[in-house]
Amino acid sequence: MSYVIRRKLLWTLFLIGLGLLAVAASQATTLVRMSFDELVRQATSIARAKCIGSTSVWRNGEIWTETEFELEEQDKGTLPGIFQVSMPGGRVAHLHSHVDGVPKFVEGEEVYLFLWNPQGKGNYLLGWTQGTFRIARDSQTGLEKVTQDSASTPLFDMTTKKFRYGGVRNLPLSIFQLKLKRTLEKQNH
């Protein structure tokens, strides 16, 4: 292969790669930060739950993950004892679909979920990582703490027009529950 042909081929491959990169970047996910009060207000249901398991399915030409939870405590809305949450992405056969900002759950883990159910069409996580609060128990003290998934993800702040970190991180469960209770009371008055 001559130098000129090789150079044209490399430039062509480079431009194709650049075009694919631009297409991928244009479809990236950006989440706008929601305050705790906004999450509480917009959620149709808020619950403490335990993950039972997940399965991925095809739905309208896309891969979705259906995760089942066992209801442990209901703070807002109405959920059955066992309920499902739908999230985009997952793995079906040899195909894998990943969506940034969509949490994954492990069987047996406990979480607080802020859910949105648009006109009875299934449960979805409000703000994806923002509506997911994981409960961890300290093995030495037994103290349960809550961490919001979005606490480790920079989200867009509409006020400052910048990306920033924030959210709930290592908050004792009792304080989280008190904050949630007070926020619900404030919104109901």
N, C-alpha and C. Protein backbone atom coordinates (compact mmCIF):
# COMPACT_ATOMS: atom_id res chain seq x y z
N MET A 1 0.86 -1.16 0.00
CA MET A 1 0.00 0.00 0.00
C MET A 1 0.91 1.23 0.00
N SER A 2 0.60 2.14 -0.87
CA SER A 2 1.44 3.33 -0.99
C SER A 2 1.20 4.28 0.18
N TYR A 3 2.14 5.18 0.37
CA TYR A 3 2.06 6.16 1.45
C TYR A 3 0.82 7.03 1.31
N VAL A 4 0.50 7.47 0.09
CA VAL A 4 -0.66 8.36 -0.15
C VAL A 4 -1.96 7.64 0.19
N ILE A 5 -2.11 6.41 -0.24
CA ILE A 5 -3.34 5.65 0.03
C ILE A 5 -3.47 5.38 1.53
N ARG A 6 -2.35 4.99 2.15
CA ARG A 6 -2.37 4.73 3.59
C ARG A 6 -2.76 5.99 4.36
N ARG A 7 -2.25 7.13 3.95
CA ARG A 7 -2.57 8.40 4.61
C ARG A 7 -4.05 8.74 4.45
N LYS A 8 -4.60 8.56 3.26
CA LYS A 8 -6.03 8.82 3.03
C LYS A 8 -6.89 7.88 3.88
N LEU A 9 -6.48 6.62 3.96
CA LEU A 9 -7.23 5.65 4.76
C LEU A 9 -7.22 6.05 6.24
N LEU A 10 -6.07 6.44 6.74
CA LEU A 10 -5.97 6.86 8.15
C LEU A 10 -6.81 8.11 8.41
N TRP A 11 -6.78 9.07 7.51
CA TRP A 11 -7.60 10.27 7.68
C TRP A 11 -9.08 9.92 7.64
N THR A 12 -9.46 9.04 6.75
CA THR A 12 -10.86 8.61 6.65
C THR A 12 -11.30 7.94 7.95
N LEU A 13 -10.47 7.01 8.45
CA LEU A 13 -10.80 6.34 9.72
C LEU A 13 -10.87 7.33 10.87
N PHE A 14 -9.95 8.30 10.90
CA PHE A 14 -9.94 9.32 11.94
C PHE A 14 -11.24 10.13 11.91
N LEU A 15 -11.65 10.56 10.73
CA LEU A 15 -12.87 11.36 10.60
C LEU A 15 -14.12 10.55 10.95
N ILE A 16 -14.15 9.29 10.58
CA ILE A 16 -15.28 8.42 10.96
C ILE A 16 -15.34 8.29 12.48
N GLY A 17 -14.19 8.05 13.11
CA GLY A 17 -14.12 7.94 14.56
C GLY A 17 -14.57 9.23 15.23
N LEU A 18 -14.13 10.36 14.70
CA LEU A 18 -14.53 11.66 15.25
C LEU A 18 -16.04 11.86 15.13
N GLY A 19 -16.60 11.46 14.00
CA GLY A 19 -18.05 11.55 13.80
C GLY A 19 -18.81 10.68 14.78
N LEU A 20 -18.34 9.44 15.00
CA LEU A 20 -18.99 8.55 15.96
C LEU A 20 -18.90 9.10 17.38
N LEU A 21 -17.76 9.70 17.71
CA LEU A 21 -17.59 10.31 19.02
C LEU A 21 -18.56 11.47 19.22
N ALA A 22 -18.76 12.28 18.19
CA ALA A 22 -19.70 13.40 18.27
C ALA A 22 -21.13 12.91 18.46
N VAL A 23 -21.50 11.83 17.76
CA VAL A 23 -22.84 11.27 17.91
C VAL A 23 -23.04 10.74 19.33
N ALA A 24 -22.04 10.03 19.84
CA ALA A 24 -22.14 9.50 21.21
C ALA A 24 -22.24 10.62 22.23
N ALA A 25 -21.46 11.66 22.06
CA ALA A 25 -21.49 12.78 23.02
C ALA A 25 -22.82 13.52 22.97
N SER A 26 -23.43 13.60 21.79
CA SER A 26 -24.70 14.32 21.68
C SER A 26 -25.84 13.59 22.37
N GLN A 27 -25.65 12.28 22.63
CA GLN A 27 -26.69 11.51 23.29
C GLN A 27 -26.38 11.27 24.76
N ALA A 28 -25.40 11.97 25.31
CA ALA A 28 -25.01 11.80 26.71
C ALA A 28 -26.12 12.29 27.62
N THR A 29 -26.11 11.79 28.84
CA THR A 29 -27.12 12.13 29.82
C THR A 29 -26.61 13.20 30.77
N THR A 30 -27.40 14.24 30.97
CA THR A 30 -27.08 15.26 31.95
C THR A 30 -28.29 15.39 32.88
N LEU A 31 -28.05 15.21 34.17
CA LEU A 31 -29.12 15.35 35.14
C LEU A 31 -28.97 16.68 35.86
N VAL A 32 -30.09 17.34 36.06
CA VAL A 32 -30.11 18.59 36.80
C VAL A 32 -30.34 18.26 38.27
N ARG A 33 -29.51 18.84 39.13
CA ARG A 33 -29.60 18.55 40.56
C ARG A 33 -30.96 18.97 41.12
N MET A 34 -31.52 18.08 41.95
CA MET A 34 -32.77 18.35 42.64
C MET A 34 -32.46 18.41 44.13
N SER A 35 -33.03 19.37 44.83
CA SER A 35 -32.84 19.46 46.28
C SER A 35 -33.63 18.32 46.93
N PHE A 36 -33.34 18.07 48.20
CA PHE A 36 -34.06 17.05 48.94
C PHE A 36 -35.55 17.38 48.98
N ASP A 37 -35.88 18.66 49.20
CA ASP A 37 -37.28 19.09 49.21
C ASP A 37 -37.96 18.82 47.87
N GLU A 38 -37.25 19.08 46.77
CA GLU A 38 -37.82 18.82 45.43
C GLU A 38 -38.05 17.33 45.22
N LEU A 39 -37.11 16.50 45.65
CA LEU A 39 -37.27 15.06 45.52
C LEU A 39 -38.51 14.59 46.27
N VAL A 40 -38.66 15.06 47.51
CA VAL A 40 -39.81 14.67 48.34
C VAL A 40 -41.11 15.14 47.68
N ARG A 41 -41.13 16.38 47.20
CA ARG A 41 -42.34 16.94 46.60
C ARG A 41 -42.73 16.20 45.31
N GLN A 42 -41.77 15.90 44.46
CA GLN A 42 -42.08 15.31 43.16
C GLN A 42 -42.28 13.80 43.18
N ALA A 43 -41.79 13.14 44.22
CA ALA A 43 -41.95 11.68 44.31
C ALA A 43 -43.42 11.33 44.53
N THR A 44 -43.90 10.34 43.79
CA THR A 44 -45.25 9.83 44.05
C THR A 44 -45.23 8.80 45.16
N SER A 45 -44.06 8.16 45.37
CA SER A 45 -43.87 7.21 46.47
C SER A 45 -42.46 7.33 47.01
N ILE A 46 -42.33 7.18 48.32
CA ILE A 46 -41.03 7.13 48.98
C ILE A 46 -41.06 5.92 49.90
N ALA A 47 -40.07 5.03 49.76
CA ALA A 47 -40.10 3.80 50.54
C ALA A 47 -38.71 3.28 50.87
N ARG A 48 -38.64 2.61 52.01
CA ARG A 48 -37.46 1.82 52.35
C ARG A 48 -37.77 0.42 51.84
N ALA A 49 -36.81 -0.15 51.11
CA ALA A 49 -37.07 -1.45 50.49
C ALA A 49 -35.79 -2.28 50.42
N LYS A 50 -35.99 -3.58 50.19
CA LYS A 50 -34.87 -4.50 50.04
C LYS A 50 -34.94 -5.09 48.62
N CYS A 51 -33.80 -5.07 47.92
CA CYS A 51 -33.74 -5.59 46.56
C CYS A 51 -33.89 -7.11 46.58
N ILE A 52 -34.80 -7.61 45.76
CA ILE A 52 -35.02 -9.06 45.64
C ILE A 52 -34.24 -9.61 44.45
N GLY A 53 -34.15 -8.83 43.38
CA GLY A 53 -33.43 -9.28 42.19
C GLY A 53 -33.78 -8.44 40.98
N SER A 54 -33.03 -8.65 39.89
CA SER A 54 -33.23 -7.87 38.66
C SER A 54 -33.21 -8.78 37.44
N THR A 55 -33.98 -8.37 36.43
CA THR A 55 -33.92 -9.03 35.13
C THR A 55 -33.98 -7.94 34.06
N SER A 56 -33.29 -8.20 32.95
CA SER A 56 -33.32 -7.25 31.83
C SER A 56 -34.22 -7.80 30.74
N VAL A 57 -34.96 -6.89 30.08
CA VAL A 57 -35.93 -7.28 29.06
C VAL A 57 -35.86 -6.30 27.88
N TRP A 58 -36.35 -6.77 26.73
CA TRP A 58 -36.52 -5.88 25.58
C TRP A 58 -37.85 -5.18 25.72
N ARG A 59 -37.89 -3.87 25.51
CA ARG A 59 -39.14 -3.12 25.53
C ARG A 59 -39.04 -2.03 24.47
N ASN A 60 -39.90 -2.10 23.47
CA ASN A 60 -39.93 -1.11 22.39
C ASN A 60 -38.56 -0.90 21.75
N GLY A 61 -37.84 -1.98 21.52
CA GLY A 61 -36.54 -1.91 20.85
C GLY A 61 -35.39 -1.46 21.73
N GLU A 62 -35.61 -1.38 23.04
CA GLU A 62 -34.56 -0.96 23.98
C GLU A 62 -34.45 -1.98 25.10
N ILE A 63 -33.28 -2.02 25.72
CA ILE A 63 -33.08 -2.90 26.87
C ILE A 63 -33.43 -2.13 28.15
N TRP A 64 -34.27 -2.74 28.97
CA TRP A 64 -34.66 -2.17 30.25
C TRP A 64 -34.39 -3.19 31.35
N THR A 65 -34.07 -2.71 32.54
CA THR A 65 -33.89 -3.59 33.70
C THR A 65 -35.06 -3.39 34.64
N GLU A 66 -35.69 -4.50 34.99
CA GLU A 66 -36.80 -4.52 35.94
C GLU A 66 -36.25 -5.06 37.25
N THR A 67 -36.23 -4.24 38.29
CA THR A 67 -35.72 -4.66 39.59
C THR A 67 -36.88 -4.79 40.57
N GLU A 68 -36.94 -5.93 41.25
CA GLU A 68 -38.00 -6.17 42.23
C GLU A 68 -37.50 -5.83 43.63
N PHE A 69 -38.38 -5.20 44.39
CA PHE A 69 -38.07 -4.82 45.77
C PHE A 69 -39.17 -5.31 46.70
N GLU A 70 -38.76 -5.61 47.92
CA GLU A 70 -39.70 -5.93 48.98
C GLU A 70 -39.86 -4.67 49.84
N LEU A 71 -41.09 -4.24 50.00
CA LEU A 71 -41.39 -3.04 50.77
C LEU A 71 -41.12 -3.29 52.26
N GLU A 72 -40.32 -2.42 52.87
CA GLU A 72 -40.05 -2.53 54.30
C GLU A 72 -40.73 -1.41 55.08
N GLU A 73 -40.83 -0.23 54.47
CA GLU A 73 -41.42 0.93 55.14
C GLU A 73 -41.92 1.89 54.07
N GLN A 74 -43.12 2.41 54.24
CA GLN A 74 -43.72 3.35 53.28
C GLN A 74 -43.83 4.72 53.92
N ASP A 75 -43.24 5.74 53.28
CA ASP A 75 -43.30 7.10 53.83
C ASP A 75 -44.23 8.00 53.03
N LYS A 76 -44.43 7.68 51.75
CA LYS A 76 -45.31 8.48 50.91
C LYS A 76 -45.86 7.58 49.82
N GLY A 77 -47.11 7.81 49.42
CA GLY A 77 -47.71 7.05 48.33
C GLY A 77 -48.16 5.67 48.77
N THR A 78 -48.47 4.84 47.77
CA THR A 78 -48.94 3.49 48.02
C THR A 78 -48.20 2.53 47.10
N LEU A 79 -47.57 1.54 47.70
CA LEU A 79 -46.88 0.49 46.95
C LEU A 79 -47.31 -0.86 47.49
N PRO A 80 -47.34 -1.89 46.65
CA PRO A 80 -47.63 -3.24 47.16
C PRO A 80 -46.42 -3.79 47.93
N GLY A 81 -46.59 -4.92 48.58
CA GLY A 81 -45.51 -5.53 49.35
C GLY A 81 -44.28 -5.87 48.52
N ILE A 82 -44.51 -6.27 47.28
CA ILE A 82 -43.44 -6.52 46.31
C ILE A 82 -43.74 -5.61 45.12
N PHE A 83 -42.76 -4.78 44.73
CA PHE A 83 -42.98 -3.87 43.61
C PHE A 83 -41.76 -3.85 42.70
N GLN A 84 -41.98 -3.40 41.46
CA GLN A 84 -40.92 -3.32 40.46
C GLN A 84 -40.57 -1.88 40.15
N VAL A 85 -39.29 -1.67 39.81
CA VAL A 85 -38.82 -0.38 39.33
C VAL A 85 -38.15 -0.62 37.99
N SER A 86 -38.52 0.18 36.98
CA SER A 86 -37.96 0.06 35.63
C SER A 86 -36.87 1.09 35.42
N MET A 87 -35.76 0.64 34.82
CA MET A 87 -34.65 1.55 34.51
C MET A 87 -34.07 1.20 33.15
N PRO A 88 -33.69 2.20 32.37
CA PRO A 88 -33.10 1.91 31.06
C PRO A 88 -31.73 1.27 31.21
N GLY A 89 -31.42 0.38 30.25
CA GLY A 89 -30.12 -0.29 30.25
C GLY A 89 -30.21 -1.68 30.83
N GLY A 90 -29.13 -2.42 30.65
CA GLY A 90 -29.07 -3.79 31.17
C GLY A 90 -28.38 -4.70 30.18
N ARG A 91 -28.55 -6.02 30.37
CA ARG A 91 -27.92 -7.01 29.51
C ARG A 91 -28.96 -8.06 29.12
N VAL A 92 -29.12 -8.25 27.81
CA VAL A 92 -29.97 -9.30 27.28
C VAL A 92 -29.11 -10.10 26.30
N ALA A 93 -28.95 -11.39 26.60
CA ALA A 93 -28.09 -12.28 25.82
C ALA A 93 -26.68 -11.67 25.74
N HIS A 94 -26.18 -11.44 24.54
CA HIS A 94 -24.83 -10.90 24.37
C HIS A 94 -24.81 -9.37 24.23
N LEU A 95 -25.97 -8.74 24.31
CA LEU A 95 -26.05 -7.28 24.16
C LEU A 95 -26.09 -6.59 25.53
N HIS A 96 -25.32 -5.51 25.63
CA HIS A 96 -25.25 -4.75 26.88
C HIS A 96 -25.55 -3.30 26.57
N SER A 97 -26.45 -2.69 27.35
CA SER A 97 -26.79 -1.28 27.19
C SER A 97 -26.51 -0.58 28.52
N HIS A 98 -25.66 0.45 28.48
CA HIS A 98 -25.32 1.20 29.70
C HIS A 98 -25.80 2.63 29.55
N VAL A 99 -26.48 3.12 30.58
CA VAL A 99 -26.95 4.51 30.60
C VAL A 99 -26.35 5.16 31.84
N ASP A 100 -25.54 6.20 31.63
CA ASP A 100 -24.93 6.91 32.76
C ASP A 100 -26.00 7.47 33.68
N GLY A 101 -25.77 7.36 34.97
CA GLY A 101 -26.70 7.92 35.94
C GLY A 101 -27.79 6.97 36.38
N VAL A 102 -27.84 5.77 35.79
CA VAL A 102 -28.85 4.80 36.18
C VAL A 102 -28.22 3.84 37.20
N PRO A 103 -28.78 3.77 38.41
CA PRO A 103 -28.19 2.90 39.43
C PRO A 103 -28.44 1.42 39.16
N LYS A 104 -27.56 0.61 39.69
CA LYS A 104 -27.72 -0.85 39.65
C LYS A 104 -27.88 -1.32 41.09
N PHE A 105 -28.68 -2.35 41.28
CA PHE A 105 -28.97 -2.84 42.62
C PHE A 105 -28.50 -4.28 42.77
N VAL A 106 -28.12 -4.63 44.01
CA VAL A 106 -27.64 -5.96 44.34
C VAL A 106 -28.67 -6.63 45.23
N GLU A 107 -28.95 -7.88 44.95
CA GLU A 107 -29.92 -8.63 45.74
C GLU A 107 -29.54 -8.57 47.22
N GLY A 108 -30.53 -8.24 48.06
CA GLY A 108 -30.34 -8.19 49.50
C GLY A 108 -30.01 -6.82 50.05
N GLU A 109 -29.60 -5.87 49.20
CA GLU A 109 -29.26 -4.55 49.73
C GLU A 109 -30.52 -3.76 50.06
N GLU A 110 -30.39 -2.90 51.08
CA GLU A 110 -31.50 -2.06 51.52
C GLU A 110 -31.29 -0.64 51.02
N VAL A 111 -32.39 -0.02 50.59
CA VAL A 111 -32.33 1.32 50.02
C VAL A 111 -33.58 2.11 50.40
N TYR A 112 -33.46 3.41 50.32
CA TYR A 112 -34.62 4.29 50.30
C TYR A 112 -34.77 4.71 48.84
N LEU A 113 -35.98 4.59 48.30
CA LEU A 113 -36.24 4.94 46.91
C LEU A 113 -37.27 6.06 46.83
N PHE A 114 -36.96 7.05 46.01
CA PHE A 114 -37.89 8.14 45.70
C PHE A 114 -38.39 7.82 44.29
N LEU A 115 -39.66 7.42 44.21
CA LEU A 115 -40.21 6.91 42.96
C LEU A 115 -41.19 7.88 42.31
N TRP A 116 -41.29 7.73 41.02
CA TRP A 116 -42.23 8.51 40.22
C TRP A 116 -43.03 7.51 39.41
N ASN A 117 -44.35 7.63 39.46
CA ASN A 117 -45.24 6.73 38.73
C ASN A 117 -46.15 7.59 37.86
N PRO A 118 -45.73 7.83 36.60
CA PRO A 118 -46.53 8.69 35.72
C PRO A 118 -47.84 8.03 35.31
N GLN A 119 -48.92 8.49 35.87
CA GLN A 119 -50.28 8.04 35.54
C GLN A 119 -50.42 6.52 35.59
N GLY A 120 -49.83 5.91 36.62
CA GLY A 120 -49.98 4.47 36.81
C GLY A 120 -49.26 3.61 35.79
N LYS A 121 -48.23 4.13 35.14
CA LYS A 121 -47.52 3.40 34.09
C LYS A 121 -46.23 2.75 34.59
N GLY A 122 -46.15 2.39 35.85
CA GLY A 122 -44.96 1.74 36.38
C GLY A 122 -44.15 2.69 37.24
N ASN A 123 -43.23 2.11 38.00
CA ASN A 123 -42.41 2.90 38.91
C ASN A 123 -41.04 3.17 38.29
N TYR A 124 -40.62 4.41 38.38
CA TYR A 124 -39.31 4.83 37.89
C TYR A 124 -38.61 5.62 38.99
N LEU A 125 -37.28 5.52 39.05
CA LEU A 125 -36.52 6.28 40.04
C LEU A 125 -36.52 7.75 39.67
N LEU A 126 -36.90 8.58 40.58
CA LEU A 126 -36.92 10.02 40.37
C LEU A 126 -35.48 10.53 40.36
N GLY A 127 -35.05 11.08 39.22
CA GLY A 127 -33.69 11.59 39.12
C GLY A 127 -32.64 10.50 39.14
N TRP A 128 -33.00 9.26 38.87
CA TRP A 128 -32.12 8.10 38.85
C TRP A 128 -31.25 8.02 40.09
N THR A 129 -29.98 8.42 40.03
CA THR A 129 -29.10 8.32 41.20
C THR A 129 -29.54 9.25 42.31
N GLN A 130 -30.24 10.33 41.96
CA GLN A 130 -30.68 11.28 42.99
C GLN A 130 -31.78 10.69 43.86
N GLY A 131 -32.58 9.81 43.30
CA GLY A 131 -33.68 9.20 44.04
C GLY A 131 -33.31 7.88 44.69
N THR A 132 -32.02 7.58 44.74
CA THR A 132 -31.53 6.32 45.32
C THR A 132 -30.65 6.62 46.52
N PHE A 133 -31.05 6.12 47.69
CA PHE A 133 -30.31 6.32 48.93
C PHE A 133 -29.98 4.93 49.50
N ARG A 134 -28.72 4.57 49.50
CA ARG A 134 -28.30 3.24 49.96
C ARG A 134 -28.07 3.24 51.47
N ILE A 135 -28.49 2.16 52.10
CA ILE A 135 -28.34 2.01 53.54
C ILE A 135 -27.20 1.03 53.80
N ALA A 136 -26.21 1.47 54.56
CA ALA A 136 -25.08 0.62 54.92
C ALA A 136 -24.99 0.53 56.43
N ARG A 137 -24.67 -0.66 56.92
CA ARG A 137 -24.56 -0.89 58.35
C ARG A 137 -23.08 -1.05 58.71
N ASP A 138 -22.63 -0.26 59.69
CA ASP A 138 -21.25 -0.35 60.18
C ASP A 138 -21.11 -1.68 60.91
N SER A 139 -20.16 -2.51 60.47
CA SER A 139 -20.02 -3.85 61.03
C SER A 139 -19.58 -3.83 62.50
N GLN A 140 -18.91 -2.78 62.94
CA GLN A 140 -18.45 -2.72 64.34
C GLN A 140 -19.49 -2.12 65.27
N THR A 141 -20.13 -1.04 64.83
CA THR A 141 -21.08 -0.34 65.72
C THR A 141 -22.53 -0.72 65.46
N GLY A 142 -22.82 -1.26 64.28
CA GLY A 142 -24.20 -1.58 63.92
C GLY A 142 -25.00 -0.37 63.46
N LEU A 143 -24.36 0.82 63.48
CA LEU A 143 -25.04 2.05 63.08
C LEU A 143 -25.32 2.03 61.57
N GLU A 144 -26.58 2.32 61.22
CA GLU A 144 -26.95 2.38 59.81
C GLU A 144 -26.78 3.81 59.31
N LYS A 145 -26.17 3.93 58.12
CA LYS A 145 -25.97 5.24 57.50
C LYS A 145 -26.52 5.22 56.08
N VAL A 146 -26.92 6.41 55.62
CA VAL A 146 -27.53 6.55 54.30
C VAL A 146 -26.62 7.41 53.42
N THR A 147 -26.43 6.95 52.18
CA THR A 147 -25.68 7.72 51.19
C THR A 147 -26.46 7.75 49.88
N GLN A 148 -26.65 8.94 49.37
CA GLN A 148 -27.35 9.15 48.10
C GLN A 148 -26.38 8.79 46.97
N ASP A 149 -26.85 8.02 46.00
CA ASP A 149 -25.98 7.63 44.88
C ASP A 149 -25.36 8.83 44.18
N SER A 150 -26.11 9.91 44.05
CA SER A 150 -25.61 11.07 43.32
C SER A 150 -24.57 11.86 44.09
N ALA A 151 -24.29 11.50 45.34
CA ALA A 151 -23.29 12.23 46.13
C ALA A 151 -21.90 12.10 45.51
N SER A 152 -21.67 11.06 44.71
CA SER A 152 -20.36 10.87 44.08
C SER A 152 -20.38 11.22 42.59
N THR A 153 -21.48 11.82 42.12
CA THR A 153 -21.61 12.18 40.71
C THR A 153 -21.82 13.68 40.57
N PRO A 154 -21.02 14.35 39.74
CA PRO A 154 -21.27 15.78 39.54
C PRO A 154 -22.56 15.97 38.73
N LEU A 155 -23.45 16.82 39.25
CA LEU A 155 -24.71 17.11 38.56
C LEU A 155 -24.78 18.59 38.26
N PHE A 156 -25.57 18.94 37.24
CA PHE A 156 -25.68 20.32 36.81
C PHE A 156 -26.56 21.10 37.77
N ASP A 157 -26.05 22.21 38.27
CA ASP A 157 -26.78 23.10 39.17
C ASP A 157 -27.30 24.28 38.37
N MET A 158 -28.63 24.37 38.24
CA MET A 158 -29.24 25.43 37.42
C MET A 158 -28.96 26.82 37.98
N THR A 159 -28.80 26.94 39.29
CA THR A 159 -28.56 28.24 39.91
C THR A 159 -27.19 28.79 39.54
N THR A 160 -26.17 27.95 39.71
CA THR A 160 -24.80 28.40 39.45
C THR A 160 -24.37 28.15 38.01
N LYS A 161 -25.15 27.35 37.26
CA LYS A 161 -24.83 26.98 35.87
C LYS A 161 -23.51 26.23 35.78
N LYS A 162 -23.23 25.41 36.81
CA LYS A 162 -22.00 24.63 36.86
C LYS A 162 -22.32 23.22 37.36
N PHE A 163 -21.42 22.30 37.06
CA PHE A 163 -21.52 20.96 37.61
C PHE A 163 -20.91 20.98 39.01
N ARG A 164 -21.56 20.28 39.96
CA ARG A 164 -21.02 20.23 41.32
C ARG A 164 -21.45 18.93 42.00
N TYR A 165 -20.67 18.58 43.01
CA TYR A 165 -21.00 17.42 43.84
C TYR A 165 -21.92 17.88 44.97
N GLY A 166 -22.72 16.99 45.46
CA GLY A 166 -23.61 17.32 46.57
C GLY A 166 -24.39 16.09 46.97
N GLY A 167 -25.41 16.28 47.76
CA GLY A 167 -26.24 15.16 48.16
C GLY A 167 -25.92 14.66 49.55
N VAL A 168 -26.64 13.63 49.95
CA VAL A 168 -26.53 13.04 51.27
C VAL A 168 -25.39 12.01 51.26
N ARG A 169 -24.50 12.12 52.27
CA ARG A 169 -23.36 11.20 52.34
C ARG A 169 -23.12 10.79 53.79
N ASN A 170 -23.21 9.48 54.05
CA ASN A 170 -22.93 8.91 55.38
C ASN A 170 -23.75 9.56 56.50
N LEU A 171 -25.00 9.83 56.24
CA LEU A 171 -25.89 10.42 57.23
C LEU A 171 -26.50 9.29 58.07
N PRO A 172 -26.44 9.37 59.40
CA PRO A 172 -27.09 8.33 60.20
C PRO A 172 -28.56 8.17 59.79
N LEU A 173 -28.99 6.92 59.69
CA LEU A 173 -30.34 6.63 59.23
C LEU A 173 -31.41 7.36 60.02
N SER A 174 -31.25 7.44 61.34
CA SER A 174 -32.26 8.11 62.17
C SER A 174 -32.38 9.59 61.80
N ILE A 175 -31.28 10.24 61.47
CA ILE A 175 -31.32 11.66 61.08
C ILE A 175 -31.96 11.79 59.70
N PHE A 176 -31.63 10.88 58.79
CA PHE A 176 -32.27 10.88 57.46
C PHE A 176 -33.78 10.74 57.60
N GLN A 177 -34.21 9.79 58.41
CA GLN A 177 -35.65 9.56 58.60
C GLN A 177 -36.34 10.77 59.21
N LEU A 178 -35.68 11.43 60.16
CA LEU A 178 -36.22 12.64 60.76
C LEU A 178 -36.33 13.77 59.72
N LYS A 179 -35.29 13.92 58.91
CA LYS A 179 -35.31 14.94 57.85
C LYS A 179 -36.44 14.67 56.87
N LEU A 180 -36.62 13.41 56.49
CA LEU A 180 -37.69 13.03 55.58
C LEU A 180 -39.06 13.31 56.19
N LYS A 181 -39.23 12.93 57.45
CA LYS A 181 -40.51 13.15 58.15
C LYS A 181 -40.84 14.65 58.20
N ARG A 182 -39.86 15.47 58.57
CA ARG A 182 -40.10 16.92 58.67
C ARG A 182 -40.40 17.54 57.31
N THR A 183 -39.71 17.08 56.28
CA THR A 183 -39.96 17.61 54.94
C THR A 183 -41.37 17.24 54.48
N LEU A 184 -41.79 16.02 54.73
CA LEU A 184 -43.16 15.60 54.38
C LEU A 184 -44.20 16.40 55.15
N GLU A 185 -43.97 16.62 56.44
CA GLU A 185 -44.90 17.41 57.25
C GLU A 185 -45.00 18.84 56.74
N LYS A 186 -43.86 19.42 56.40
CA LYS A 186 -43.82 20.80 55.91
C LYS A 186 -44.60 20.91 54.59
N GLN A 187 -44.49 19.92 53.74
CA GLN A 187 -45.18 19.95 52.45
C GLN A 187 -46.66 19.66 52.56
N ASN A 188 -47.05 18.99 53.63
CA ASN A 188 -48.47 18.65 53.81
C ASN A 188 -49.26 19.78 54.51
N HIS A 189 -48.57 20.83 54.94
CA HIS A 189 -49.25 21.94 55.61
C HIS A 189 -49.34 23.14 54.74
